[in-house]
Amino acid sequence: MTLADLGANVLRIARPAGAGTRDRNPVLARGRTATLTLDLKKTADVERLRGLVGRADSMIEGFRPNVMENWV
């Protein structure tokens, strides 16, 4: 939220419906203009994520330590 408040374009990568997702408080989505749903168990979606990360100025992930290294 803070980055969006400062003018950053924030893209949230979400899990597909039914993959342990739950409704989020809409207040917490403040400033996010887009959400992209990717299934990181599919090779095509992992490649799409890699392309997005390669063009991004920064990335913040919420996995446990060392989990993201398996995907990127």
PDB file of N, CA and C in Angstrom:
ATOM      1  N   MET A   1       0.819  -1.188   0.000  1.00  0.00           N
ATOM      2  CA  MET A   1       0.000   0.000   0.000  1.00  0.00           C
ATOM      3  C   MET A   1       0.863   1.252   0.000  1.00  0.00           C
ATOM      4  N   THR A   2       1.946   1.209   0.733  1.00  0.00           N
ATOM      5  CA  THR A   2       2.801   2.387   0.823  1.00  0.00           C
ATOM      6  C   THR A   2       3.403   2.728  -0.532  1.00  0.00           C
ATOM      7  N   LEU A   3       3.892   1.729  -1.254  1.00  0.00           N
ATOM      8  CA  LEU A   3       4.465   1.988  -2.574  1.00  0.00           C
ATOM      9  C   LEU A   3       3.423   2.554  -3.524  1.00  0.00           C
ATOM     10  N   ALA A   4       2.205   2.025  -3.478  1.00  0.00           N
ATOM     11  CA  ALA A   4       1.134   2.546  -4.323  1.00  0.00           C
ATOM     12  C   ALA A   4       0.795   3.982  -3.938  1.00  0.00           C
ATOM     13  N   ASP A   5       0.793   4.264  -2.643  1.00  0.00           N
ATOM     14  CA  ASP A   5       0.531   5.627  -2.177  1.00  0.00           C
ATOM     15  C   ASP A   5       1.585   6.607  -2.682  1.00  0.00           C
ATOM     16  N   LEU A   6       2.792   6.104  -2.896  1.00  0.00           N
ATOM     17  CA  LEU A   6       3.886   6.948  -3.381  1.00  0.00           C
ATOM     18  C   LEU A   6       3.948   7.014  -4.911  1.00  0.00           C
ATOM     19  N   GLY A   7       2.999   6.359  -5.587  1.00  0.00           N
ATOM     20  CA  GLY A   7       2.909   6.458  -7.036  1.00  0.00           C
ATOM     21  C   GLY A   7       3.386   5.257  -7.813  1.00  0.00           C
ATOM     22  N   ALA A   8       3.768   4.183  -7.141  1.00  0.00           N
ATOM     23  CA  ALA A   8       4.240   2.993  -7.850  1.00  0.00           C
ATOM     24  C   ALA A   8       3.063   2.243  -8.487  1.00  0.00           C
ATOM     25  N   ASN A   9       3.336   1.601  -9.606  1.00  0.00           N
ATOM     26  CA  ASN A   9       2.364   0.693 -10.214  1.00  0.00           C
ATOM     27  C   ASN A   9       2.555  -0.665  -9.554  1.00  0.00           C
ATOM     28  N   VAL A  10       1.523  -1.141  -8.877  1.00  0.00           N
ATOM     29  CA  VAL A  10       1.613  -2.380  -8.111  1.00  0.00           C
ATOM     30  C   VAL A  10       0.763  -3.444  -8.793  1.00  0.00           C
ATOM     31  N   LEU A  11       1.364  -4.583  -9.067  1.00  0.00           N
ATOM     32  CA  LEU A  11       0.667  -5.721  -9.655  1.00  0.00           C
ATOM     33  C   LEU A  11       0.723  -6.863  -8.655  1.00  0.00           C
ATOM     34  N   ARG A  12      -0.434  -7.366  -8.279  1.00  0.00           N
ATOM     35  CA  ARG A  12      -0.496  -8.498  -7.359  1.00  0.00           C
ATOM     36  C   ARG A  12      -0.629  -9.776  -8.169  1.00  0.00           C
ATOM     37  N   ILE A  13       0.207 -10.758  -7.852  1.00  0.00           N
ATOM     38  CA  ILE A  13       0.107 -12.079  -8.462  1.00  0.00           C
ATOM     39  C   ILE A  13      -0.683 -12.935  -7.485  1.00  0.00           C
ATOM     40  N   ALA A  14      -1.831 -13.452  -7.946  1.00  0.00           N
ATOM     41  CA  ALA A  14      -2.712 -14.225  -7.073  1.00  0.00           C
ATOM     42  C   ALA A  14      -2.736 -15.685  -7.485  1.00  0.00           C
ATOM     43  N   ARG A  15      -3.093 -16.527  -6.540  1.00  0.00           N
ATOM     44  CA  ARG A  15      -3.298 -17.945  -6.823  1.00  0.00           C
ATOM     45  C   ARG A  15      -4.624 -18.120  -7.547  1.00  0.00           C
ATOM     46  N   PRO A  16      -4.761 -19.215  -8.295  1.00  0.00           N
ATOM     47  CA  PRO A  16      -6.066 -19.500  -8.906  1.00  0.00           C
ATOM     48  C   PRO A  16      -7.123 -19.737  -7.825  1.00  0.00           C
ATOM     49  N   ALA A  17      -8.368 -19.466  -8.145  1.00  0.00           N
ATOM     50  CA  ALA A  17      -9.456 -19.686  -7.191  1.00  0.00           C
ATOM     51  C   ALA A  17      -9.474 -21.144  -6.751  1.00  0.00           C
ATOM     52  N   GLY A  18      -9.711 -21.352  -5.485  1.00  0.00           N
ATOM     53  CA  GLY A  18      -9.761 -22.705  -4.962  1.00  0.00           C
ATOM     54  C   GLY A  18      -8.413 -23.253  -4.535  1.00  0.00           C
ATOM     55  N   ALA A  19      -7.349 -22.459  -4.684  1.00  0.00           N
ATOM     56  CA  ALA A  19      -6.014 -22.929  -4.297  1.00  0.00           C
ATOM     57  C   ALA A  19      -5.611 -22.310  -2.956  1.00  0.00           C
ATOM     58  N   GLY A  20      -6.517 -22.383  -2.004  1.00  0.00           N
ATOM     59  CA  GLY A  20      -6.210 -21.845  -0.684  1.00  0.00           C
ATOM     60  C   GLY A  20      -6.393 -20.344  -0.598  1.00  0.00           C
ATOM     61  N   THR A  21      -7.100 -19.756  -1.560  1.00  0.00           N
ATOM     62  CA  THR A  21      -7.309 -18.319  -1.521  1.00  0.00           C
ATOM     63  C   THR A  21      -8.498 -17.996  -0.640  1.00  0.00           C
ATOM     64  N   ARG A  22      -8.535 -16.782  -0.191  1.00  0.00           N
ATOM     65  CA  ARG A  22      -9.661 -16.302   0.606  1.00  0.00           C
ATOM     66  C   ARG A  22      -9.892 -14.851   0.244  1.00  0.00           C
ATOM     67  N   ASP A  23     -11.069 -14.381   0.530  1.00  0.00           N
ATOM     68  CA  ASP A  23     -11.365 -12.979   0.236  1.00  0.00           C
ATOM     69  C   ASP A  23     -10.496 -12.088   1.105  1.00  0.00           C
ATOM     70  N   ARG A  24      -9.931 -11.097   0.491  1.00  0.00           N
ATOM     71  CA  ARG A  24      -9.090 -10.138   1.191  1.00  0.00           C
ATOM     72  C   ARG A  24      -9.894  -8.895   1.514  1.00  0.00           C
ATOM     73  N   ASN A  25      -9.484  -8.219   2.532  1.00  0.00           N
ATOM     74  CA  ASN A  25     -10.099  -6.961   2.902  1.00  0.00           C
ATOM     75  C   ASN A  25      -9.829  -5.960   1.787  1.00  0.00           C
ATOM     76  N   PRO A  26     -10.854  -5.327   1.210  1.00  0.00           N
ATOM     77  CA  PRO A  26     -10.632  -4.399   0.097  1.00  0.00           C
ATOM     78  C   PRO A  26      -9.773  -3.199   0.479  1.00  0.00           C
ATOM     79  N   VAL A  27      -9.723  -2.861   1.752  1.00  0.00           N
ATOM     80  CA  VAL A  27      -8.877  -1.748   2.194  1.00  0.00           C
ATOM     81  C   VAL A  27      -7.412  -2.079   1.952  1.00  0.00           C
ATOM     82  N   LEU A  28      -7.057  -3.345   2.104  1.00  0.00           N
ATOM     83  CA  LEU A  28      -5.663  -3.761   1.906  1.00  0.00           C
ATOM     84  C   LEU A  28      -5.261  -3.747   0.437  1.00  0.00           C
ATOM     85  N   ALA A  29      -6.218  -3.684  -0.463  1.00  0.00           N
ATOM     86  CA  ALA A  29      -5.934  -3.649  -1.899  1.00  0.00           C
ATOM     87  C   ALA A  29      -5.817  -2.216  -2.405  1.00  0.00           C
ATOM     88  N   ARG A  30      -5.830  -1.259  -1.521  1.00  0.00           N
ATOM     89  CA  ARG A  30      -5.769   0.150  -1.908  1.00  0.00           C
ATOM     90  C   ARG A  30      -4.538   0.413  -2.781  1.00  0.00           C
ATOM     91  N   GLY A  31      -4.767   1.035  -3.916  1.00  0.00           N
ATOM     92  CA  GLY A  31      -3.666   1.423  -4.787  1.00  0.00           C
ATOM     93  C   GLY A  31      -3.272   0.376  -5.811  1.00  0.00           C
ATOM     94  N   ARG A  32      -3.726  -0.844  -5.649  1.00  0.00           N
ATOM     95  CA  ARG A  32      -3.405  -1.878  -6.636  1.00  0.00           C
ATOM     96  C   ARG A  32      -4.367  -1.748  -7.797  1.00  0.00           C
ATOM     97  N   THR A  33      -3.815  -1.530  -8.960  1.00  0.00           N
ATOM     98  CA  THR A  33      -4.671  -1.351 -10.119  1.00  0.00           C
ATOM     99  C   THR A  33      -4.936  -2.660 -10.842  1.00  0.00           C
ATOM    100  N   ALA A  34      -4.137  -3.694 -10.560  1.00  0.00           N
ATOM    101  CA  ALA A  34      -4.311  -4.941 -11.298  1.00  0.00           C
ATOM    102  C   ALA A  34      -3.901  -6.136 -10.448  1.00  0.00           C
ATOM    103  N   THR A  35      -4.579  -7.239 -10.693  1.00  0.00           N
ATOM    104  CA  THR A  35      -4.220  -8.521 -10.104  1.00  0.00           C
ATOM    105  C   THR A  35      -4.135  -9.525 -11.231  1.00  0.00           C
ATOM    106  N   LEU A  36      -3.069 -10.285 -11.273  1.00  0.00           N
ATOM    107  CA  LEU A  36      -2.858 -11.310 -12.285  1.00  0.00           C
ATOM    108  C   LEU A  36      -2.886 -12.669 -11.596  1.00  0.00           C
ATOM    109  N   THR A  37      -3.708 -13.569 -12.084  1.00  0.00           N
ATOM    110  CA  THR A  37      -3.802 -14.902 -11.499  1.00  0.00           C
ATOM    111  C   THR A  37      -2.884 -15.853 -12.263  1.00  0.00           C
ATOM    112  N   LEU A  38      -1.940 -16.446 -11.540  1.00  0.00           N
ATOM    113  CA  LEU A  38      -1.006 -17.405 -12.131  1.00  0.00           C
ATOM    114  C   LEU A  38      -0.959 -18.659 -11.276  1.00  0.00           C
ATOM    115  N   ASP A  39      -0.889 -19.797 -11.924  1.00  0.00           N
ATOM    116  CA  ASP A  39      -0.706 -21.071 -11.247  1.00  0.00           C
ATOM    117  C   ASP A  39       0.759 -21.452 -11.404  1.00  0.00           C
ATOM    118  N   LEU A  40       1.531 -21.289 -10.341  1.00  0.00           N
ATOM    119  CA  LEU A  40       2.974 -21.496 -10.434  1.00  0.00           C
ATOM    120  C   LEU A  40       3.373 -22.970 -10.489  1.00  0.00           C
ATOM    121  N   LYS A  41       2.389 -23.835 -10.611  1.00  0.00           N
ATOM    122  CA  LYS A  41       2.678 -25.246 -10.861  1.00  0.00           C
ATOM    123  C   LYS A  41       2.662 -25.552 -12.354  1.00  0.00           C
ATOM    124  N   LYS A  42       2.293 -24.558 -13.156  1.00  0.00           N
ATOM    125  CA  LYS A  42       2.277 -24.712 -14.614  1.00  0.00           C
ATOM    126  C   LYS A  42       3.490 -23.995 -15.197  1.00  0.00           C
ATOM    127  N   THR A  43       4.186 -24.668 -16.079  1.00  0.00           N
ATOM    128  CA  THR A  43       5.412 -24.126 -16.679  1.00  0.00           C
ATOM    129  C   THR A  43       5.155 -22.814 -17.401  1.00  0.00           C
ATOM    130  N   ALA A  44       4.067 -22.707 -18.120  1.00  0.00           N
ATOM    131  CA  ALA A  44       3.768 -21.474 -18.868  1.00  0.00           C
ATOM    132  C   ALA A  44       3.581 -20.293 -17.927  1.00  0.00           C
ATOM    133  N   ASP A  45       2.925 -20.514 -16.801  1.00  0.00           N
ATOM    134  CA  ASP A  45       2.716 -19.430 -15.847  1.00  0.00           C
ATOM    135  C   ASP A  45       4.017 -19.033 -15.151  1.00  0.00           C
ATOM    136  N   VAL A  46       4.873 -20.003 -14.887  1.00  0.00           N
ATOM    137  CA  VAL A  46       6.178 -19.693 -14.292  1.00  0.00           C
ATOM    138  C   VAL A  46       6.996 -18.840 -15.261  1.00  0.00           C
ATOM    139  N   GLU A  47       6.975 -19.191 -16.540  1.00  0.00           N
ATOM    140  CA  GLU A  47       7.700 -18.398 -17.544  1.00  0.00           C
ATOM    141  C   GLU A  47       7.136 -16.984 -17.646  1.00  0.00           C
ATOM    142  N   ARG A  48       5.826 -16.862 -17.558  1.00  0.00           N
ATOM    143  CA  ARG A  48       5.202 -15.528 -17.595  1.00  0.00           C
ATOM    144  C   ARG A  48       5.655 -14.704 -16.393  1.00  0.00           C
ATOM    145  N   LEU A  49       5.713 -15.329 -15.209  1.00  0.00           N
ATOM    146  CA  LEU A  49       6.190 -14.640 -14.015  1.00  0.00           C
ATOM    147  C   LEU A  49       7.645 -14.199 -14.180  1.00  0.00           C
ATOM    148  N   ARG A  50       8.468 -15.073 -14.723  1.00  0.00           N
ATOM    149  CA  ARG A  50       9.876 -14.717 -14.943  1.00  0.00           C
ATOM    150  C   ARG A  50      10.003 -13.511 -15.861  1.00  0.00           C
ATOM    151  N   GLY A  51       9.167 -13.451 -16.890  1.00  0.00           N
ATOM    152  CA  GLY A  51       9.188 -12.298 -17.786  1.00  0.00           C
ATOM    153  C   GLY A  51       8.791 -11.019 -17.077  1.00  0.00           C
ATOM    154  N   LEU A  52       7.777 -11.096 -16.223  1.00  0.00           N
ATOM    155  CA  LEU A  52       7.349  -9.919 -15.469  1.00  0.00           C
ATOM    156  C   LEU A  52       8.428  -9.449 -14.498  1.00  0.00           C
ATOM    157  N   VAL A  53       9.022 -10.402 -13.802  1.00  0.00           N
ATOM    158  CA  VAL A  53      10.067 -10.060 -12.831  1.00  0.00           C
ATOM    159  C   VAL A  53      11.276  -9.457 -13.545  1.00  0.00           C
ATOM    160  N   GLY A  54      11.587  -9.953 -14.726  1.00  0.00           N
ATOM    161  CA  GLY A  54      12.728  -9.427 -15.477  1.00  0.00           C
ATOM    162  C   GLY A  54      12.568  -7.977 -15.887  1.00  0.00           C
ATOM    163  N   ARG A  55      11.328  -7.511 -16.030  1.00  0.00           N
ATOM    164  CA  ARG A  55      11.079  -6.117 -16.423  1.00  0.00           C
ATOM    165  C   ARG A  55      10.746  -5.218 -15.239  1.00  0.00           C
ATOM    166  N   ALA A  56      10.567  -5.796 -14.051  1.00  0.00           N
ATOM    167  CA  ALA A  56      10.148  -5.026 -12.882  1.00  0.00           C
ATOM    168  C   ALA A  56      11.332  -4.292 -12.246  1.00  0.00           C
ATOM    169  N   ASP A  57      11.032  -3.162 -11.632  1.00  0.00           N
ATOM    170  CA  ASP A  57      12.052  -2.442 -10.872  1.00  0.00           C
ATOM    171  C   ASP A  57      12.314  -3.112  -9.536  1.00  0.00           C
ATOM    172  N   SER A  58      11.293  -3.725  -8.974  1.00  0.00           N
ATOM    173  CA  SER A  58      11.453  -4.454  -7.717  1.00  0.00           C
ATOM    174  C   SER A  58      10.365  -5.507  -7.602  1.00  0.00           C
ATOM    175  N   MET A  59      10.575  -6.441  -6.685  1.00  0.00           N
ATOM    176  CA  MET A  59       9.598  -7.485  -6.435  1.00  0.00           C
ATOM    177  C   MET A  59       9.578  -7.768  -4.942  1.00  0.00           C
ATOM    178  N   ILE A  60       8.394  -7.866  -4.391  1.00  0.00           N
ATOM    179  CA  ILE A  60       8.240  -8.220  -2.981  1.00  0.00           C
ATOM    180  C   ILE A  60       7.424  -9.505  -2.955  1.00  0.00           C
ATOM    181  N   GLU A  61       7.926 -10.512  -2.266  1.00  0.00           N
ATOM    182  CA  GLU A  61       7.209 -11.780  -2.219  1.00  0.00           C
ATOM    183  C   GLU A  61       6.947 -12.148  -0.767  1.00  0.00           C
ATOM    184  N   GLY A  62       5.884 -12.910  -0.562  1.00  0.00           N
ATOM    185  CA  GLY A  62       5.468 -13.253   0.783  1.00  0.00           C
ATOM    186  C   GLY A  62       5.609 -14.714   1.133  1.00  0.00           C
ATOM    187  N   PHE A  63       6.448 -15.434   0.392  1.00  0.00           N
ATOM    188  CA  PHE A  63       6.657 -16.846   0.695  1.00  0.00           C
ATOM    189  C   PHE A  63       7.564 -17.013   1.916  1.00  0.00           C
ATOM    190  N   ARG A  64       7.669 -18.240   2.369  1.00  0.00           N
ATOM    191  CA  ARG A  64       8.638 -18.563   3.414  1.00  0.00           C
ATOM    192  C   ARG A  64      10.046 -18.338   2.849  1.00  0.00           C
ATOM    193  N   PRO A  65      11.049 -18.181   3.692  1.00  0.00           N
ATOM    194  CA  PRO A  65      12.415 -17.993   3.198  1.00  0.00           C
ATOM    195  C   PRO A  65      12.830 -19.110   2.245  1.00  0.00           C
ATOM    196  N   ASN A  66      13.471 -18.743   1.151  1.00  0.00           N
ATOM    197  CA  ASN A  66      14.047 -19.638   0.143  1.00  0.00           C
ATOM    198  C   ASN A  66      13.032 -20.286  -0.773  1.00  0.00           C
ATOM    199  N   VAL A  67      11.751 -19.997  -0.675  1.00  0.00           N
ATOM    200  CA  VAL A  67      10.753 -20.600  -1.557  1.00  0.00           C
ATOM    201  C   VAL A  67      10.795 -19.960  -2.937  1.00  0.00           C
ATOM    202  N   MET A  68      10.930 -18.644  -3.017  1.00  0.00           N
ATOM    203  CA  MET A  68      10.895 -17.961  -4.297  1.00  0.00           C
ATOM    204  C   MET A  68      12.051 -18.378  -5.204  1.00  0.00           C
ATOM    205  N   GLU A  69      13.169 -18.748  -4.624  1.00  0.00           N
ATOM    206  CA  GLU A  69      14.308 -19.175  -5.431  1.00  0.00           C
ATOM    207  C   GLU A  69      13.972 -20.392  -6.281  1.00  0.00           C
ATOM    208  N   ASN A  70      12.982 -21.179  -5.879  1.00  0.00           N
ATOM    209  CA  ASN A  70      12.567 -22.338  -6.672  1.00  0.00           C
ATOM    210  C   ASN A  70      11.830 -21.939  -7.933  1.00  0.00           C
ATOM    211  N   TRP A  71      11.247 -20.743  -7.967  1.00  0.00           N
ATOM    212  CA  TRP A  71      10.418 -20.323  -9.101  1.00  0.00           C
ATOM    213  C   TRP A  71      11.156 -19.405 -10.064  1.00  0.00           C
ATOM    214  N   VAL A  72      12.052 -18.602  -9.557  1.00  0.00           N
ATOM    215  CA  VAL A  72      12.684 -17.589 -10.416  1.00  0.00           C
ATOM    216  C   VAL A  72      14.129 -17.953 -10.681  1.00  0.00           C
TER     217      VAL A  72
END
